[in-house]
Amino acid sequence: MKDNISQARLLALHPRAREDFRMFIEDAEAGLNIKLRIAQGMRTMAEQQALYNKGRTTAGAKVTNAKAGSSYHNYGLAIDLVIMDGAKVDWNYDMKKLTPYADKYEIKWGGSWRTFKDTPHFEKTFGIEWREMLKRYQDKNFILNTEYIIL
């Protein structure tokens, strides 16, 4: 992984997803000769709800359809990526180019969603729907010292 900021953000992800995200990013960087940055990774429930409120109950444009608990970011299982052009971010890169690398690690791309396409978004769900993740979170069926959902 070429980006130091991404390395730190990777550490905040769910322990079972970290290695797959790292290898996905490293494979894509090497194969496409690019530098990626994790723009967003783990997101608290409060941070998720604040994003959901944008364009609804707070000023700004809508940025997500995911309420707190309905995003894999809330469980450390999603990242938003951006291409780095030197020290600048490039949000215009065709993220579809990353999908063969994501597929290799069973990581899903938000750009393939039927509604509200989220092209910077990649998630590893382990086949568990977000509703089940939320139930486990609410039932306190998570590791207490790290608050990671048990997968």
Protein backbone atom coordinates (compact mmCIF):
# COMPACT_ATOMS: atom_id res chain seq x y z
CA MET A 1 0.00 0.00 0.00
CA LYS A 2 1.59 3.23 -1.19
CA ASP A 3 -0.35 5.75 0.93
CA ASN A 4 0.53 6.27 4.61
CA ILE A 5 -2.87 7.78 5.43
CA SER A 6 -4.54 4.67 4.02
CA GLN A 7 -2.34 2.41 6.13
CA ALA A 8 -3.59 4.12 9.30
CA ARG A 9 -7.23 3.97 8.15
CA LEU A 10 -6.85 0.30 7.29
CA LEU A 11 -6.06 -0.44 10.95
CA ALA A 12 -9.48 0.86 12.02
CA LEU A 13 -11.30 -1.70 9.83
CA HIS A 14 -12.69 -5.01 11.05
CA PRO A 15 -9.81 -7.43 11.69
CA ARG A 16 -11.25 -10.08 9.34
CA ALA A 17 -11.54 -7.60 6.45
CA ARG A 18 -8.22 -5.75 6.79
CA GLU A 19 -6.01 -8.17 4.92
CA ASP A 20 -8.40 -8.53 1.97
CA PHE A 21 -8.74 -4.76 1.64
CA ARG A 22 -4.96 -4.36 1.86
CA MET A 23 -4.31 -6.99 -0.80
CA PHE A 24 -7.07 -5.60 -3.04
CA ILE A 25 -5.55 -2.11 -2.88
CA GLU A 26 -1.99 -3.34 -3.40
CA ASP A 27 -3.01 -5.52 -6.37
CA ALA A 28 -4.94 -2.64 -7.98
CA GLU A 29 -2.08 -0.18 -7.41
CA ALA A 30 0.44 -2.55 -8.98
CA GLY A 31 -1.78 -3.69 -11.83
CA LEU A 32 -3.01 -0.24 -12.82
CA ASN A 33 0.08 1.77 -11.82
CA ILE A 34 -1.96 4.06 -9.55
CA LYS A 35 -1.90 5.25 -5.96
CA LEU A 36 -5.08 4.77 -3.93
CA ARG A 37 -6.20 6.41 -0.71
CA ILE A 38 -8.84 5.17 1.69
CA ALA A 39 -10.89 8.37 1.91
CA GLN A 40 -13.27 6.79 4.42
CA GLY A 41 -13.24 3.52 6.29
CA MET A 42 -14.73 2.81 9.70
CA ARG A 43 -17.57 5.19 10.51
CA THR A 44 -19.36 5.48 13.86
CA MET A 45 -23.14 5.30 14.05
CA ALA A 46 -23.25 9.02 14.88
CA GLU A 47 -21.05 9.89 11.88
CA GLN A 48 -23.27 7.76 9.62
CA GLN A 49 -26.44 9.41 10.87
CA ALA A 50 -24.94 12.88 10.36
CA LEU A 51 -24.15 11.96 6.73
CA TYR A 52 -27.68 10.59 6.26
CA ASN A 53 -29.18 13.80 7.64
CA LYS A 54 -27.44 15.92 4.98
CA GLY A 55 -30.02 17.12 2.51
CA ARG A 56 -32.79 15.92 4.78
CA THR A 57 -32.70 17.60 8.19
CA THR A 58 -29.41 19.50 7.77
CA ALA A 59 -28.05 21.69 4.98
CA GLY A 60 -26.33 20.23 1.96
CA ALA A 61 -26.92 17.70 -0.77
CA LYS A 62 -27.84 14.09 0.00
CA VAL A 63 -24.72 11.97 0.16
CA THR A 64 -26.11 8.62 1.29
CA ASN A 65 -29.29 6.61 1.59
CA ALA A 66 -27.85 4.64 4.51
CA LYS A 67 -29.05 5.49 8.00
CA ALA A 68 -26.88 4.66 11.01
CA GLY A 69 -26.49 0.89 11.21
CA SER A 70 -27.39 0.23 7.58
CA SER A 71 -23.92 0.93 6.20
CA TYR A 72 -21.09 -1.58 6.21
CA HIS A 73 -18.86 1.36 7.14
CA ASN A 74 -20.42 1.12 10.63
CA TYR A 75 -18.90 -2.32 11.07
CA GLY A 76 -15.48 -1.65 9.57
CA LEU A 77 -16.37 -3.60 6.43
CA ALA A 78 -16.41 -0.82 3.83
CA ILE A 79 -14.03 1.70 2.36
CA ASP A 80 -14.36 4.64 0.01
CA LEU A 81 -11.39 4.97 -2.32
CA VAL A 82 -9.93 7.87 -4.26
CA ILE A 83 -7.03 8.02 -6.69
CA MET A 84 -4.06 10.17 -5.69
CA ASP A 85 -2.44 12.35 -8.33
CA GLY A 86 0.66 13.42 -6.49
CA ALA A 87 -0.66 15.10 -3.35
CA LYS A 88 -4.08 15.82 -4.93
CA VAL A 89 -7.14 13.59 -4.94
CA ASP A 90 -8.78 12.69 -8.25
CA TRP A 91 -12.47 11.84 -7.78
CA ASN A 92 -12.95 11.46 -11.55
CA TYR A 93 -11.08 8.17 -11.96
CA ASP A 94 -13.11 5.31 -13.45
CA MET A 95 -13.40 3.09 -10.37
CA LYS A 96 -14.88 0.31 -12.48
CA LYS A 97 -11.27 -0.46 -13.42
CA LEU A 98 -10.78 -1.67 -9.83
CA THR A 99 -13.55 -4.29 -9.95
CA PRO A 100 -11.43 -7.22 -11.23
CA TYR A 101 -9.13 -6.69 -8.25
CA ALA A 102 -12.05 -6.33 -5.83
CA ASP A 103 -13.74 -9.44 -7.20
CA LYS A 104 -10.61 -11.47 -6.44
CA TYR A 105 -11.20 -10.79 -2.71
CA GLU A 106 -15.02 -10.99 -2.79
CA ILE A 107 -15.26 -7.24 -2.30
CA LYS A 108 -18.38 -5.64 -3.78
CA TRP A 109 -18.33 -2.33 -5.64
CA GLY A 110 -20.95 0.37 -4.91
CA GLY A 111 -20.91 1.43 -8.55
CA SER A 112 -22.75 -1.77 -9.47
CA TRP A 113 -25.78 -0.95 -7.31
CA ARG A 114 -29.05 -0.39 -9.17
CA THR A 115 -29.94 2.77 -7.25
CA PHE A 116 -27.73 5.47 -5.72
CA LYS A 117 -24.54 4.28 -7.35
CA ASP A 118 -21.62 4.92 -5.00
CA THR A 119 -18.56 4.58 -7.22
CA PRO A 120 -15.85 5.18 -4.56
CA HIS A 121 -17.44 2.54 -2.27
CA PHE A 122 -16.17 -1.03 -1.78
CA GLU A 123 -17.46 -3.43 0.86
CA LYS A 124 -16.80 -6.93 2.15
CA THR A 125 -19.98 -8.34 3.66
CA PHE A 126 -19.00 -11.95 4.37
CA GLY A 127 -22.49 -12.78 3.08
CA ILE A 128 -24.15 -11.13 6.06
CA GLU A 129 -26.91 -8.57 5.40
CA TRP A 130 -26.62 -5.22 7.17
CA ARG A 131 -29.85 -5.93 9.10
CA GLU A 132 -28.18 -8.95 10.72
CA MET A 133 -25.07 -6.84 11.47
CA LEU A 134 -27.26 -4.23 13.14
CA LYS A 135 -29.09 -6.90 15.15
CA ARG A 136 -25.78 -8.30 16.39
CA TYR A 137 -24.63 -4.80 17.28
CA GLN A 138 -27.87 -4.03 19.13
CA ASP A 139 -27.80 -7.38 20.92
CA LYS A 140 -24.27 -6.53 22.09
CA ASN A 141 -22.99 -9.65 20.33
CA PHE A 142 -19.65 -8.02 19.60
CA ILE A 143 -16.20 -8.09 21.07
CA LEU A 144 -16.44 -5.62 23.93
CA ASN A 145 -12.93 -4.22 23.89
CA THR A 146 -12.96 -3.35 20.17
CA GLU A 147 -16.72 -3.23 19.39
CA TYR A 148 -16.20 -5.35 16.29
CA ILE A 149 -19.12 -7.48 15.26
CA ILE A 150 -18.30 -11.16 15.49
CA LEU A 151 -18.34 -12.66 12.01
